[in-house]
Structure formats: C-alpha cells, structure tokens
PDB file of N, CA and C in Angstrom:
ATOM      1  N   MET A   1     -15.822 -28.265 -18.358  1.00  0.00           N
ATOM      2  CA  MET A   1     -14.576 -28.442 -17.633  1.00  0.00           C
ATOM      3  C   MET A   1     -13.636 -27.268 -17.881  1.00  0.00           C
ATOM      4  N   ALA A   2     -13.601 -26.775 -19.111  1.00  0.00           N
ATOM      5  CA  ALA A   2     -12.696 -25.678 -19.443  1.00  0.00           C
ATOM      6  C   ALA A   2     -13.076 -24.396 -18.703  1.00  0.00           C
ATOM      7  N   SER A   3     -14.358 -24.213 -18.395  1.00  0.00           N
ATOM      8  CA  SER A   3     -14.785 -22.984 -17.717  1.00  0.00           C
ATOM      9  C   SER A   3     -14.322 -22.948 -16.263  1.00  0.00           C
ATOM     10  N   ARG A   4     -14.023 -24.089 -15.666  1.00  0.00           N
ATOM     11  CA  ARG A   4     -13.565 -24.119 -14.282  1.00  0.00           C
ATOM     12  C   ARG A   4     -12.086 -23.757 -14.163  1.00  0.00           C
ATOM     13  N   ALA A   5     -11.323 -23.950 -15.196  1.00  0.00           N
ATOM     14  CA  ALA A   5      -9.883 -23.696 -15.142  1.00  0.00           C
ATOM     15  C   ALA A   5      -9.552 -22.242 -14.794  1.00  0.00           C
ATOM     16  N   PRO A   6     -10.191 -21.247 -15.442  1.00  0.00           N
ATOM     17  CA  PRO A   6      -9.875 -19.862 -15.072  1.00  0.00           C
ATOM     18  C   PRO A   6     -10.233 -19.544 -13.620  1.00  0.00           C
ATOM     19  N   ALA A   7     -11.341 -20.088 -13.128  1.00  0.00           N
ATOM     20  CA  ALA A   7     -11.732 -19.842 -11.737  1.00  0.00           C
ATOM     21  C   ALA A   7     -10.704 -20.435 -10.786  1.00  0.00           C
ATOM     22  N   ALA A   8     -10.235 -21.636 -11.081  1.00  0.00           N
ATOM     23  CA  ALA A   8      -9.227 -22.274 -10.241  1.00  0.00           C
ATOM     24  C   ALA A   8      -7.919 -21.485 -10.282  1.00  0.00           C
ATOM     25  N   THR A   9      -7.563 -20.999 -11.456  1.00  0.00           N
ATOM     26  CA  THR A   9      -6.349 -20.201 -11.594  1.00  0.00           C
ATOM     27  C   THR A   9      -6.484 -18.907 -10.806  1.00  0.00           C
ATOM     28  N   GLY A  10      -7.664 -18.291 -10.856  1.00  0.00           N
ATOM     29  CA  GLY A  10      -7.920 -17.060 -10.112  1.00  0.00           C
ATOM     30  C   GLY A  10      -7.800 -17.263  -8.612  1.00  0.00           C
ATOM     31  N   ARG A  11      -8.366 -18.376  -8.119  1.00  0.00           N
ATOM     32  CA  ARG A  11      -8.271 -18.682  -6.686  1.00  0.00           C
ATOM     33  C   ARG A  11      -6.827 -18.934  -6.291  1.00  0.00           C
ATOM     34  N   LEU A  12      -6.094 -19.609  -7.144  1.00  0.00           N
ATOM     35  CA  LEU A  12      -4.683 -19.890  -6.878  1.00  0.00           C
ATOM     36  C   LEU A  12      -3.896 -18.587  -6.818  1.00  0.00           C
ATOM     37  N   LEU A  13      -4.181 -17.678  -7.745  1.00  0.00           N
ATOM     38  CA  LEU A  13      -3.495 -16.396  -7.774  1.00  0.00           C
ATOM     39  C   LEU A  13      -3.801 -15.579  -6.521  1.00  0.00           C
ATOM     40  N   VAL A  14      -5.067 -15.549  -6.103  1.00  0.00           N
ATOM     41  CA  VAL A  14      -5.437 -14.832  -4.881  1.00  0.00           C
ATOM     42  C   VAL A  14      -4.751 -15.473  -3.678  1.00  0.00           C
ATOM     43  N   GLY A  15      -4.713 -16.786  -3.646  1.00  0.00           N
ATOM     44  CA  GLY A  15      -4.029 -17.490  -2.561  1.00  0.00           C
ATOM     45  C   GLY A  15      -2.559 -17.127  -2.498  1.00  0.00           C
ATOM     46  N   PHE A  16      -1.917 -17.049  -3.651  1.00  0.00           N
ATOM     47  CA  PHE A  16      -0.500 -16.681  -3.700  1.00  0.00           C
ATOM     48  C   PHE A  16      -0.313 -15.238  -3.239  1.00  0.00           C
ATOM     49  N   ARG A  17      -1.209 -14.343  -3.679  1.00  0.00           N
ATOM     50  CA  ARG A  17      -1.106 -12.937  -3.270  1.00  0.00           C
ATOM     51  C   ARG A  17      -1.234 -12.797  -1.754  1.00  0.00           C
ATOM     52  N   LYS A  18      -2.188 -13.527  -1.168  1.00  0.00           N
ATOM     53  CA  LYS A  18      -2.355 -13.485   0.281  1.00  0.00           C
ATOM     54  C   LYS A  18      -1.117 -14.022   0.992  1.00  0.00           C
ATOM     55  N   TRP A  19      -0.559 -15.131   0.487  1.00  0.00           N
ATOM     56  CA  TRP A  19       0.648 -15.701   1.082  1.00  0.00           C
ATOM     57  C   TRP A  19       1.794 -14.694   1.006  1.00  0.00           C
ATOM     58  N   TYR A  20       1.987 -14.099  -0.154  1.00  0.00           N
ATOM     59  CA  TYR A  20       3.077 -13.130  -0.336  1.00  0.00           C
ATOM     60  C   TYR A  20       2.863 -11.907   0.557  1.00  0.00           C
ATOM     61  N   TYR A  21       1.629 -11.453   0.665  1.00  0.00           N
ATOM     62  CA  TYR A  21       1.293 -10.303   1.511  1.00  0.00           C
ATOM     63  C   TYR A  21       1.726 -10.576   2.954  1.00  0.00           C
ATOM     64  N   ASN A  22       1.387 -11.770   3.449  1.00  0.00           N
ATOM     65  CA  ASN A  22       1.758 -12.123   4.818  1.00  0.00           C
ATOM     66  C   ASN A  22       3.248 -12.375   4.957  1.00  0.00           C
ATOM     67  N   ALA A  23       3.874 -12.924   3.914  1.00  0.00           N
ATOM     68  CA  ALA A  23       5.315 -13.200   3.960  1.00  0.00           C
ATOM     69  C   ALA A  23       6.128 -11.906   3.982  1.00  0.00           C
ATOM     70  N   ALA A  24       5.611 -10.846   3.365  1.00  0.00           N
ATOM     71  CA  ALA A  24       6.333  -9.568   3.339  1.00  0.00           C
ATOM     72  C   ALA A  24       6.528  -9.026   4.755  1.00  0.00           C
ATOM     73  N   GLY A  25       5.556  -9.254   5.635  1.00  0.00           N
ATOM     74  CA  GLY A  25       5.710  -8.939   7.047  1.00  0.00           C
ATOM     75  C   GLY A  25       5.282  -7.558   7.496  1.00  0.00           C
ATOM     76  N   PHE A  26       5.103  -6.618   6.581  1.00  0.00           N
ATOM     77  CA  PHE A  26       4.734  -5.264   7.020  1.00  0.00           C
ATOM     78  C   PHE A  26       3.384  -5.236   7.708  1.00  0.00           C
ATOM     79  N   ASN A  27       2.513  -6.181   7.368  1.00  0.00           N
ATOM     80  CA  ASN A  27       1.185  -6.213   7.992  1.00  0.00           C
ATOM     81  C   ASN A  27       1.266  -6.621   9.462  1.00  0.00           C
ATOM     82  N   LYS A  28       2.326  -7.293   9.844  1.00  0.00           N
ATOM     83  CA  LYS A  28       2.480  -7.747  11.230  1.00  0.00           C
ATOM     84  C   LYS A  28       2.809  -6.595  12.180  1.00  0.00           C
ATOM     85  N   ILE A  29       3.236  -5.466  11.618  1.00  0.00           N
ATOM     86  CA  ILE A  29       3.474  -4.278  12.435  1.00  0.00           C
ATOM     87  C   ILE A  29       2.429  -3.198  12.128  1.00  0.00           C
ATOM     88  N   GLY A  30       1.330  -3.622  11.510  1.00  0.00           N
ATOM     89  CA  GLY A  30       0.178  -2.747  11.321  1.00  0.00           C
ATOM     90  C   GLY A  30       0.231  -1.833  10.115  1.00  0.00           C
ATOM     91  N   LEU A  31       1.165  -2.060   9.200  1.00  0.00           N
ATOM     92  CA  LEU A  31       1.256  -1.203   8.019  1.00  0.00           C
ATOM     93  C   LEU A  31       0.377  -1.712   6.893  1.00  0.00           C
ATOM     94  N   MET A  32       0.033  -0.808   5.993  1.00  0.00           N
ATOM     95  CA  MET A  32      -0.650  -1.152   4.754  1.00  0.00           C
ATOM     96  C   MET A  32       0.368  -1.092   3.624  1.00  0.00           C
ATOM     97  N   ARG A  33       0.027  -1.676   2.497  1.00  0.00           N
ATOM     98  CA  ARG A  33       0.951  -1.711   1.364  1.00  0.00           C
ATOM     99  C   ARG A  33       1.414  -0.315   0.972  1.00  0.00           C
ATOM    100  N   ASP A  34       0.489   0.638   0.889  1.00  0.00           N
ATOM    101  CA  ASP A  34       0.857   1.989   0.461  1.00  0.00           C
ATOM    102  C   ASP A  34       1.747   2.712   1.474  1.00  0.00           C
ATOM    103  N   ASP A  35       1.792   2.223   2.722  1.00  0.00           N
ATOM    104  CA  ASP A  35       2.694   2.807   3.725  1.00  0.00           C
ATOM    105  C   ASP A  35       4.152   2.490   3.410  1.00  0.00           C
ATOM    106  N   THR A  36       4.387   1.480   2.596  1.00  0.00           N
ATOM    107  CA  THR A  36       5.751   1.010   2.343  1.00  0.00           C
ATOM    108  C   THR A  36       6.359   1.552   1.051  1.00  0.00           C
ATOM    109  N   ILE A  37       5.619   2.389   0.322  1.00  0.00           N
ATOM    110  CA  ILE A  37       6.114   2.933  -0.945  1.00  0.00           C
ATOM    111  C   ILE A  37       7.246   3.921  -0.669  1.00  0.00           C
ATOM    112  N   HIS A  38       8.353   3.787  -1.428  1.00  0.00           N
ATOM    113  CA  HIS A  38       9.494   4.699  -1.288  1.00  0.00           C
ATOM    114  C   HIS A  38       9.059   6.128  -1.612  1.00  0.00           C
ATOM    115  N   GLU A  39       9.432   7.070  -0.765  1.00  0.00           N
ATOM    116  CA  GLU A  39       8.983   8.455  -0.922  1.00  0.00           C
ATOM    117  C   GLU A  39       9.888   9.236  -1.874  1.00  0.00           C
ATOM    118  N   ASP A  40       9.528   9.231  -3.150  1.00  0.00           N
ATOM    119  CA  ASP A  40      10.203  10.097  -4.116  1.00  0.00           C
ATOM    120  C   ASP A  40       9.365  11.369  -4.259  1.00  0.00           C
ATOM    121  N   GLY A  41       9.696  12.222  -5.201  1.00  0.00           N
ATOM    122  CA  GLY A  41       8.968  13.483  -5.377  1.00  0.00           C
ATOM    123  C   GLY A  41       7.492  13.297  -5.651  1.00  0.00           C
ATOM    124  N   ASP A  42       7.160  12.316  -6.513  1.00  0.00           N
ATOM    125  CA  ASP A  42       5.754  12.055  -6.837  1.00  0.00           C
ATOM    126  C   ASP A  42       4.982  11.597  -5.599  1.00  0.00           C
ATOM    127  N   VAL A  43       5.573  10.712  -4.822  1.00  0.00           N
ATOM    128  CA  VAL A  43       4.903  10.187  -3.621  1.00  0.00           C
ATOM    129  C   VAL A  43       4.713  11.303  -2.599  1.00  0.00           C
ATOM    130  N   LYS A  44       5.734  12.147  -2.437  1.00  0.00           N
ATOM    131  CA  LYS A  44       5.611  13.264  -1.482  1.00  0.00           C
ATOM    132  C   LYS A  44       4.468  14.197  -1.869  1.00  0.00           C
ATOM    133  N   GLU A  45       4.324  14.461  -3.156  1.00  0.00           N
ATOM    134  CA  GLU A  45       3.220  15.316  -3.611  1.00  0.00           C
ATOM    135  C   GLU A  45       1.881  14.623  -3.383  1.00  0.00           C
ATOM    136  N   ALA A  46       1.810  13.315  -3.646  1.00  0.00           N
ATOM    137  CA  ALA A  46       0.574  12.561  -3.411  1.00  0.00           C
ATOM    138  C   ALA A  46       0.219  12.578  -1.922  1.00  0.00           C
ATOM    139  N   LEU A  47       1.219  12.437  -1.057  1.00  0.00           N
ATOM    140  CA  LEU A  47       0.972  12.484   0.384  1.00  0.00           C
ATOM    141  C   LEU A  47       0.442  13.851   0.810  1.00  0.00           C
ATOM    142  N   ARG A  48       0.957  14.898   0.195  1.00  0.00           N
ATOM    143  CA  ARG A  48       0.517  16.251   0.511  1.00  0.00           C
ATOM    144  C   ARG A  48      -0.969  16.435   0.183  1.00  0.00           C
ATOM    145  N   ARG A  49      -1.461  15.702  -0.809  1.00  0.00           N
ATOM    146  CA  ARG A  49      -2.855  15.829  -1.263  1.00  0.00           C
ATOM    147  C   ARG A  49      -3.840  14.952  -0.481  1.00  0.00           C
ATOM    148  N   LEU A  50      -3.337  14.084   0.371  1.00  0.00           N
ATOM    149  CA  LEU A  50      -4.227  13.196   1.125  1.00  0.00           C
ATOM    150  C   LEU A  50      -5.140  13.999   2.050  1.00  0.00           C
ATOM    151  N   PRO A  51      -6.364  13.522   2.251  1.00  0.00           N
ATOM    152  CA  PRO A  51      -7.218  14.148   3.278  1.00  0.00           C
ATOM    153  C   PRO A  51      -6.535  14.028   4.641  1.00  0.00           C
ATOM    154  N   GLU A  52      -6.787  14.981   5.513  1.00  0.00           N
ATOM    155  CA  GLU A  52      -6.092  15.038   6.804  1.00  0.00           C
ATOM    156  C   GLU A  52      -6.236  13.746   7.612  1.00  0.00           C
ATOM    157  N   LYS A  53      -7.442  13.192   7.681  1.00  0.00           N
ATOM    158  CA  LYS A  53      -7.643  11.968   8.474  1.00  0.00           C
ATOM    159  C   LYS A  53      -6.835  10.806   7.909  1.00  0.00           C
ATOM    160  N   VAL A  54      -6.814  10.654   6.602  1.00  0.00           N
ATOM    161  CA  VAL A  54      -6.058   9.563   5.966  1.00  0.00           C
ATOM    162  C   VAL A  54      -4.564   9.751   6.244  1.00  0.00           C
ATOM    163  N   TYR A  55      -4.078  10.989   6.142  1.00  0.00           N
ATOM    164  CA  TYR A  55      -2.670  11.287   6.415  1.00  0.00           C
ATOM    165  C   TYR A  55      -2.335  10.990   7.879  1.00  0.00           C
ATOM    166  N   ASN A  56      -3.206  11.416   8.803  1.00  0.00           N
ATOM    167  CA  ASN A  56      -2.972  11.175  10.231  1.00  0.00           C
ATOM    168  C   ASN A  56      -2.978   9.686  10.557  1.00  0.00           C
ATOM    169  N   ASP A  57      -3.880   8.928   9.935  1.00  0.00           N
ATOM    170  CA  ASP A  57      -3.910   7.468  10.133  1.00  0.00           C
ATOM    171  C   ASP A  57      -2.603   6.849   9.659  1.00  0.00           C
ATOM    172  N   ARG A  58      -2.098   7.317   8.511  1.00  0.00           N
ATOM    173  CA  ARG A  58      -0.824   6.822   7.976  1.00  0.00           C
ATOM    174  C   ARG A  58       0.311   7.113   8.969  1.00  0.00           C
ATOM    175  N   MET A  59       0.353   8.345   9.483  1.00  0.00           N
ATOM    176  CA  MET A  59       1.419   8.714  10.412  1.00  0.00           C
ATOM    177  C   MET A  59       1.353   7.866  11.691  1.00  0.00           C
ATOM    178  N   PHE A  60       0.140   7.597  12.173  1.00  0.00           N
ATOM    179  CA  PHE A  60      -0.007   6.738  13.344  1.00  0.00           C
ATOM    180  C   PHE A  60       0.573   5.352  13.071  1.00  0.00           C
ATOM    181  N   ARG A  61       0.212   4.773  11.894  1.00  0.00           N
ATOM    182  CA  ARG A  61       0.706   3.433  11.553  1.00  0.00           C
ATOM    183  C   ARG A  61       2.231   3.422  11.438  1.00  0.00           C
ATOM    184  N   LEU A  62       2.788   4.455  10.820  1.00  0.00           N
ATOM    185  CA  LEU A  62       4.250   4.512  10.660  1.00  0.00           C
ATOM    186  C   LEU A  62       4.963   4.648  12.002  1.00  0.00           C
ATOM    187  N   LYS A  63       4.440   5.499  12.882  1.00  0.00           N
ATOM    188  CA  LYS A  63       5.062   5.676  14.206  1.00  0.00           C
ATOM    189  C   LYS A  63       4.960   4.395  15.032  1.00  0.00           C
ATOM    190  N   ARG A  64       3.802   3.747  14.983  1.00  0.00           N
ATOM    191  CA  ARG A  64       3.629   2.490  15.716  1.00  0.00           C
ATOM    192  C   ARG A  64       4.572   1.429  15.166  1.00  0.00           C
ATOM    193  N   ALA A  65       4.700   1.366  13.839  1.00  0.00           N
ATOM    194  CA  ALA A  65       5.589   0.379  13.216  1.00  0.00           C
ATOM    195  C   ALA A  65       7.037   0.639  13.598  1.00  0.00           C
ATOM    196  N   LEU A  66       7.448   1.904  13.637  1.00  0.00           N
ATOM    197  CA  LEU A  66       8.817   2.250  14.035  1.00  0.00           C
ATOM    198  C   LEU A  66       9.068   1.828  15.474  1.00  0.00           C
ATOM    199  N   ASP A  67       8.095   2.097  16.351  1.00  0.00           N
ATOM    200  CA  ASP A  67       8.212   1.711  17.755  1.00  0.00           C
ATOM    201  C   ASP A  67       8.332   0.190  17.893  1.00  0.00           C
ATOM    202  N   LEU A  68       7.477  -0.546  17.181  1.00  0.00           N
ATOM    203  CA  LEU A  68       7.533  -2.008  17.235  1.00  0.00           C
ATOM    204  C   LEU A  68       8.855  -2.525  16.685  1.00  0.00           C
ATOM    205  N   SER A  69       9.329  -1.912  15.615  1.00  0.00           N
ATOM    206  CA  SER A  69      10.584  -2.327  15.008  1.00  0.00           C
ATOM    207  C   SER A  69      11.751  -2.127  15.976  1.00  0.00           C
ATOM    208  N   MET A  70      11.747  -0.985  16.673  1.00  0.00           N
ATOM    209  CA  MET A  70      12.818  -0.722  17.645  1.00  0.00           C
ATOM    210  C   MET A  70      12.777  -1.723  18.794  1.00  0.00           C
ATOM    211  N   LYS A  71      11.583  -2.166  19.149  1.00  0.00           N
ATOM    212  CA  LYS A  71      11.413  -3.149  20.226  1.00  0.00           C
ATOM    213  C   LYS A  71      11.579  -4.580  19.722  1.00  0.00           C
ATOM    214  N   GLN A  72      11.762  -4.723  18.400  1.00  0.00           N
ATOM    215  CA  GLN A  72      11.829  -6.027  17.740  1.00  0.00           C
ATOM    216  C   GLN A  72      10.610  -6.876  18.113  1.00  0.00           C
ATOM    217  N   ALA A  73       9.444  -6.256  17.956  1.00  0.00           N
ATOM    218  CA  ALA A  73       8.186  -6.910  18.313  1.00  0.00           C
ATOM    219  C   ALA A  73       7.208  -6.796  17.148  1.00  0.00           C
ATOM    220  N   VAL A  74       6.151  -7.585  17.209  1.00  0.00           N
ATOM    221  CA  VAL A  74       5.051  -7.488  16.247  1.00  0.00           C
ATOM    222  C   VAL A  74       3.755  -7.352  17.031  1.00  0.00           C
ATOM    223  N   LEU A  75       2.727  -6.921  16.342  1.00  0.00           N
ATOM    224  CA  LEU A  75       1.408  -6.800  16.965  1.00  0.00           C
ATOM    225  C   LEU A  75       0.826  -8.190  17.223  1.00  0.00           C
ATOM    226  N   PRO A  76      -0.124  -8.294  18.155  1.00  0.00           N
ATOM    227  CA  PRO A  76      -0.848  -9.560  18.297  1.00  0.00           C
ATOM    228  C   PRO A  76      -1.539  -9.886  16.970  1.00  0.00           C
ATOM    229  N   LYS A  77      -1.637 -11.158  16.641  1.00  0.00           N
ATOM    230  CA  LYS A  77      -2.145 -11.578  15.331  1.00  0.00           C
ATOM    231  C   LYS A  77      -3.496 -10.960  14.980  1.00  0.00           C
ATOM    232  N   GLU A  78      -4.378 -10.777  15.958  1.00  0.00           N
ATOM    233  CA  GLU A  78      -5.694 -10.205  15.658  1.00  0.00           C
ATOM    234  C   GLU A  78      -5.609  -8.727  15.256  1.00  0.00           C
ATOM    235  N   GLN A  79      -4.463  -8.084  15.461  1.00  0.00           N
ATOM    236  CA  GLN A  79      -4.283  -6.683  15.075  1.00  0.00           C
ATOM    237  C   GLN A  79      -3.506  -6.517  13.771  1.00  0.00           C
ATOM    238  N   TRP A  80      -3.041  -7.622  13.178  1.00  0.00           N
ATOM    239  CA  TRP A  80      -2.331  -7.536  11.899  1.00  0.00           C
ATOM    240  C   TRP A  80      -3.270  -6.976  10.842  1.00  0.00           C
ATOM    241  N   THR A  81      -2.716  -6.226   9.902  1.00  0.00           N
ATOM    242  CA  THR A  81      -3.498  -5.743   8.765  1.00  0.00           C
ATOM    243  C   THR A  81      -3.802  -6.933   7.868  1.00  0.00           C
ATOM    244  N   GLN A  82      -5.076  -7.164   7.593  1.00  0.00           N
ATOM    245  CA  GLN A  82      -5.486  -8.284   6.754  1.00  0.00           C
ATOM    246  C   GLN A  82      -5.441  -7.892   5.283  1.00  0.00           C
ATOM    247  N   TYR A  83      -5.145  -8.837   4.432  1.00  0.00           N
ATOM    248  CA  TYR A  83      -5.077  -8.616   2.984  1.00  0.00           C
ATOM    249  C   TYR A  83      -6.352  -7.949   2.479  1.00  0.00           C
ATOM    250  N   GLU A  84      -7.494  -8.434   2.953  1.00  0.00           N
ATOM    251  CA  GLU A  84      -8.783  -7.921   2.496  1.00  0.00           C
ATOM    252  C   GLU A  84      -9.047  -6.493   2.991  1.00  0.00           C
ATOM    253  N   GLU A  85      -8.418  -6.092   4.095  1.00  0.00           N
ATOM    254  CA  GLU A  85      -8.627  -4.767   4.686  1.00  0.00           C
ATOM    255  C   GLU A  85      -7.661  -3.727   4.132  1.00  0.00           C
ATOM    256  N   ASP A  86      -6.615  -4.164   3.439  1.00  0.00           N
ATOM    257  CA  ASP A  86      -5.583  -3.253   2.958  1.00  0.00           C
ATOM    258  C   ASP A  86      -6.117  -2.427   1.794  1.00  0.00           C
ATOM    259  N   VAL A  87      -6.348  -1.155   2.063  1.00  0.00           N
ATOM    260  CA  VAL A  87      -6.894  -0.237   1.071  1.00  0.00           C
ATOM    261  C   VAL A  87      -5.734   0.504   0.409  1.00  0.00           C
ATOM    262  N   HIS A  88      -5.773   0.611  -0.896  1.00  0.00           N
ATOM    263  CA  HIS A  88      -4.732   1.353  -1.622  1.00  0.00           C
ATOM    264  C   HIS A  88      -5.097   2.835  -1.602  1.00  0.00           C
ATOM    265  N   TYR A  89      -4.940   3.442  -0.429  1.00  0.00           N
ATOM    266  CA  TYR A  89      -5.395   4.815  -0.219  1.00  0.00           C
ATOM    267  C   TYR A  89      -4.560   5.851  -0.967  1.00  0.00           C
ATOM    268  N   LEU A  90      -3.301   5.553  -1.236  1.00  0.00           N
ATOM    269  CA  LEU A  90      -2.410   6.533  -1.864  1.00  0.00           C
ATOM    270  C   LEU A  90      -2.417   6.429  -3.392  1.00  0.00           C
ATOM    271  N   GLU A  91      -2.711   5.250  -3.896  1.00  0.00           N
ATOM    272  CA  GLU A  91      -2.621   4.975  -5.329  1.00  0.00           C
ATOM    273  C   GLU A  91      -3.364   5.981  -6.223  1.00  0.00           C
ATOM    274  N   PRO A  92      -4.630   6.333  -5.941  1.00  0.00           N
ATOM    275  CA  PRO A  92      -5.323   7.287  -6.821  1.00  0.00           C
ATOM    276  C   PRO A  92      -4.621   8.654  -6.870  1.00  0.00           C
ATOM    277  N   TYR A  93      -4.125   9.110  -5.726  1.00  0.00           N
ATOM    278  CA  TYR A  93      -3.433  10.397  -5.669  1.00  0.00           C
ATOM    279  C   TYR A  93      -2.105  10.318  -6.421  1.00  0.00           C
ATOM    280  N   LEU A  94      -1.413   9.199  -6.257  1.00  0.00           N
ATOM    281  CA  LEU A  94      -0.125   9.022  -6.925  1.00  0.00           C
ATOM    282  C   LEU A  94      -0.305   8.951  -8.440  1.00  0.00           C
ATOM    283  N   GLU A  95      -1.321   8.243  -8.898  1.00  0.00           N
ATOM    284  CA  GLU A  95      -1.594   8.166 -10.339  1.00  0.00           C
ATOM    285  C   GLU A  95      -1.892   9.551 -10.903  1.00  0.00           C
ATOM    286  N   GLU A  96      -2.637  10.352 -10.150  1.00  0.00           N
ATOM    287  CA  GLU A  96      -2.967  11.710 -10.588  1.00  0.00           C
ATOM    288  C   GLU A  96      -1.705  12.576 -10.680  1.00  0.00           C
ATOM    289  N   VAL A  97      -0.842  12.484  -9.678  1.00  0.00           N
ATOM    290  CA  VAL A  97       0.401  13.262  -9.665  1.00  0.00           C
ATOM    291  C   VAL A  97       1.285  12.872 -10.854  1.00  0.00           C
ATOM    292  N   ILE A  98       1.426  11.585 -11.099  1.00  0.00           N
ATOM    293  CA  ILE A  98       2.260  11.108 -12.211  1.00  0.00           C
ATOM    294  C   ILE A  98       1.675  11.568 -13.544  1.00  0.00           C
ATOM    295  N   ARG A  99       0.353  11.460 -13.689  1.00  0.00           N
ATOM    296  CA  ARG A  99      -0.302  11.906 -14.927  1.00  0.00           C
ATOM    297  C   ARG A  99      -0.053  13.396 -15.149  1.00  0.00           C
ATOM    298  N   GLU A 100      -0.187  14.201 -14.100  1.00  0.00           N
ATOM    299  CA  GLU A 100       0.035  15.639 -14.214  1.00  0.00           C
ATOM    300  C   GLU A 100       1.488  15.953 -14.563  1.00  0.00           C
ATOM    301  N   ARG A 101       2.429  15.236 -13.935  1.00  0.00           N
ATOM    302  CA  ARG A 101       3.848  15.462 -14.209  1.00  0.00           C
ATOM    303  C   ARG A 101       4.162  15.138 -15.661  1.00  0.00           C
ATOM    304  N   LYS A 102       3.642  14.023 -16.157  1.00  0.00           N
ATOM    305  CA  LYS A 102       3.886  13.639 -17.552  1.00  0.00           C
ATOM    306  C   LYS A 102       3.271  14.656 -18.514  1.00  0.00           C
ATOM    307  N   GLU A 103       2.118  15.173 -18.160  1.00  0.00           N
ATOM    308  CA  GLU A 103       1.461  16.177 -18.988  1.00  0.00           C
ATOM    309  C   GLU A 103       2.316  17.449 -19.073  1.00  0.00           C
ATOM    310  N   VAL A 104       2.861  17.869 -17.925  1.00  0.00           N
ATOM    311  CA  VAL A 104       3.724  19.051 -17.899  1.00  0.00           C
ATOM    312  C   VAL A 104       4.980  18.792 -18.728  1.00  0.00           C
ATOM    313  N   GLU A 105       5.538  17.575 -18.606  1.00  0.00           N
ATOM    314  CA  GLU A 105       6.732  17.225 -19.401  1.00  0.00           C
ATOM    315  C   GLU A 105       6.441  17.283 -20.898  1.00  0.00           C
ATOM    316  N   GLU A 106       5.250  16.801 -21.294  1.00  0.00           N
ATOM    317  CA  GLU A 106       4.867  16.844 -22.703  1.00  0.00           C
ATOM    318  C   GLU A 106       4.739  18.296 -23.184  1.00  0.00           C
ATOM    319  N   TRP A 107       4.134  19.150 -22.357  1.00  0.00           N
ATOM    320  CA  TRP A 107       3.993  20.557 -22.735  1.00  0.00           C
ATOM    321  C   TRP A 107       5.354  21.235 -22.835  1.00  0.00           C
ATOM    322  N   SER A 108       6.281  20.835 -21.978  1.00  0.00           N
ATOM    323  CA  SER A 108       7.625  21.428 -21.986  1.00  0.00           C
ATOM    324  C   SER A 108       8.387  21.079 -23.247  1.00  0.00           C
ATOM    325  N   LYS A 109       8.098  19.921 -23.838  1.00  0.00           N
ATOM    326  CA  LYS A 109       8.775  19.484 -25.063  1.00  0.00           C
ATOM    327  C   LYS A 109       8.383  20.317 -26.266  1.00  0.00           C
ATOM    328  N   LYS A 110       7.177  20.897 -26.216  1.00  0.00           N
ATOM    329  CA  LYS A 110       6.642  21.619 -27.389  1.00  0.00           C
ATOM    330  C   LYS A 110       7.202  23.010 -27.491  1.00  0.00           C
TER     331      LYS A 110
END
C-alpha cells in the first residue's frame, strides 16, 4: 500500500501542473513556456545562441500571439500548445549562459 502513495502523489502533481499550464493561458495563443520568459541580458544572449530554425519558430509564435492579443482572440482549441508538446527549447542555452557569466564573475573576484 505504501508503494502506491508516491505514484498517486506523482499523478496528482502532474495533474496540477497541467491544470496550471492551461490556466496560465499562454498556450491558448500558441506560445510555449520559454516564449514567456522575461528578456534580461542572460536571456538575450541565450536567444542569440539559438539555432536559426528554433529562433524563427519562436518569432512566428510571438508575432501570432501579439496579433491574437490585439484581436482579443485565441486559437481554436486543437491548435493550443499542449503541455506534453511544450519543449523547453531555451533552457539549456540559458543555463549555459548563466554558468558562463558566473564563471567570469568568479574569475573577476580573483
């Protein structure tokens, strides 16, 4: 019986994440989670490092979302970004940029 508790908790957590993902609403205008990250210096550098196709796909999603927002509309439900399809495409680049920045800061202290 005790072995089922973690599995049930895991399913509950995934269910909550999916609910929160849909409640946030950005998926209804075709955005992915990484499209919504505030663009500070680290994010701008990570964006600069993206492969061209990934960057162009991001720009398409942002322009479409801006257009929908101005029209106060959402995409048809079958076109919403699904939780399972949302790829964290920017995260690896952002982690690398932050790691490099911290490394430079450490070297500067010496």
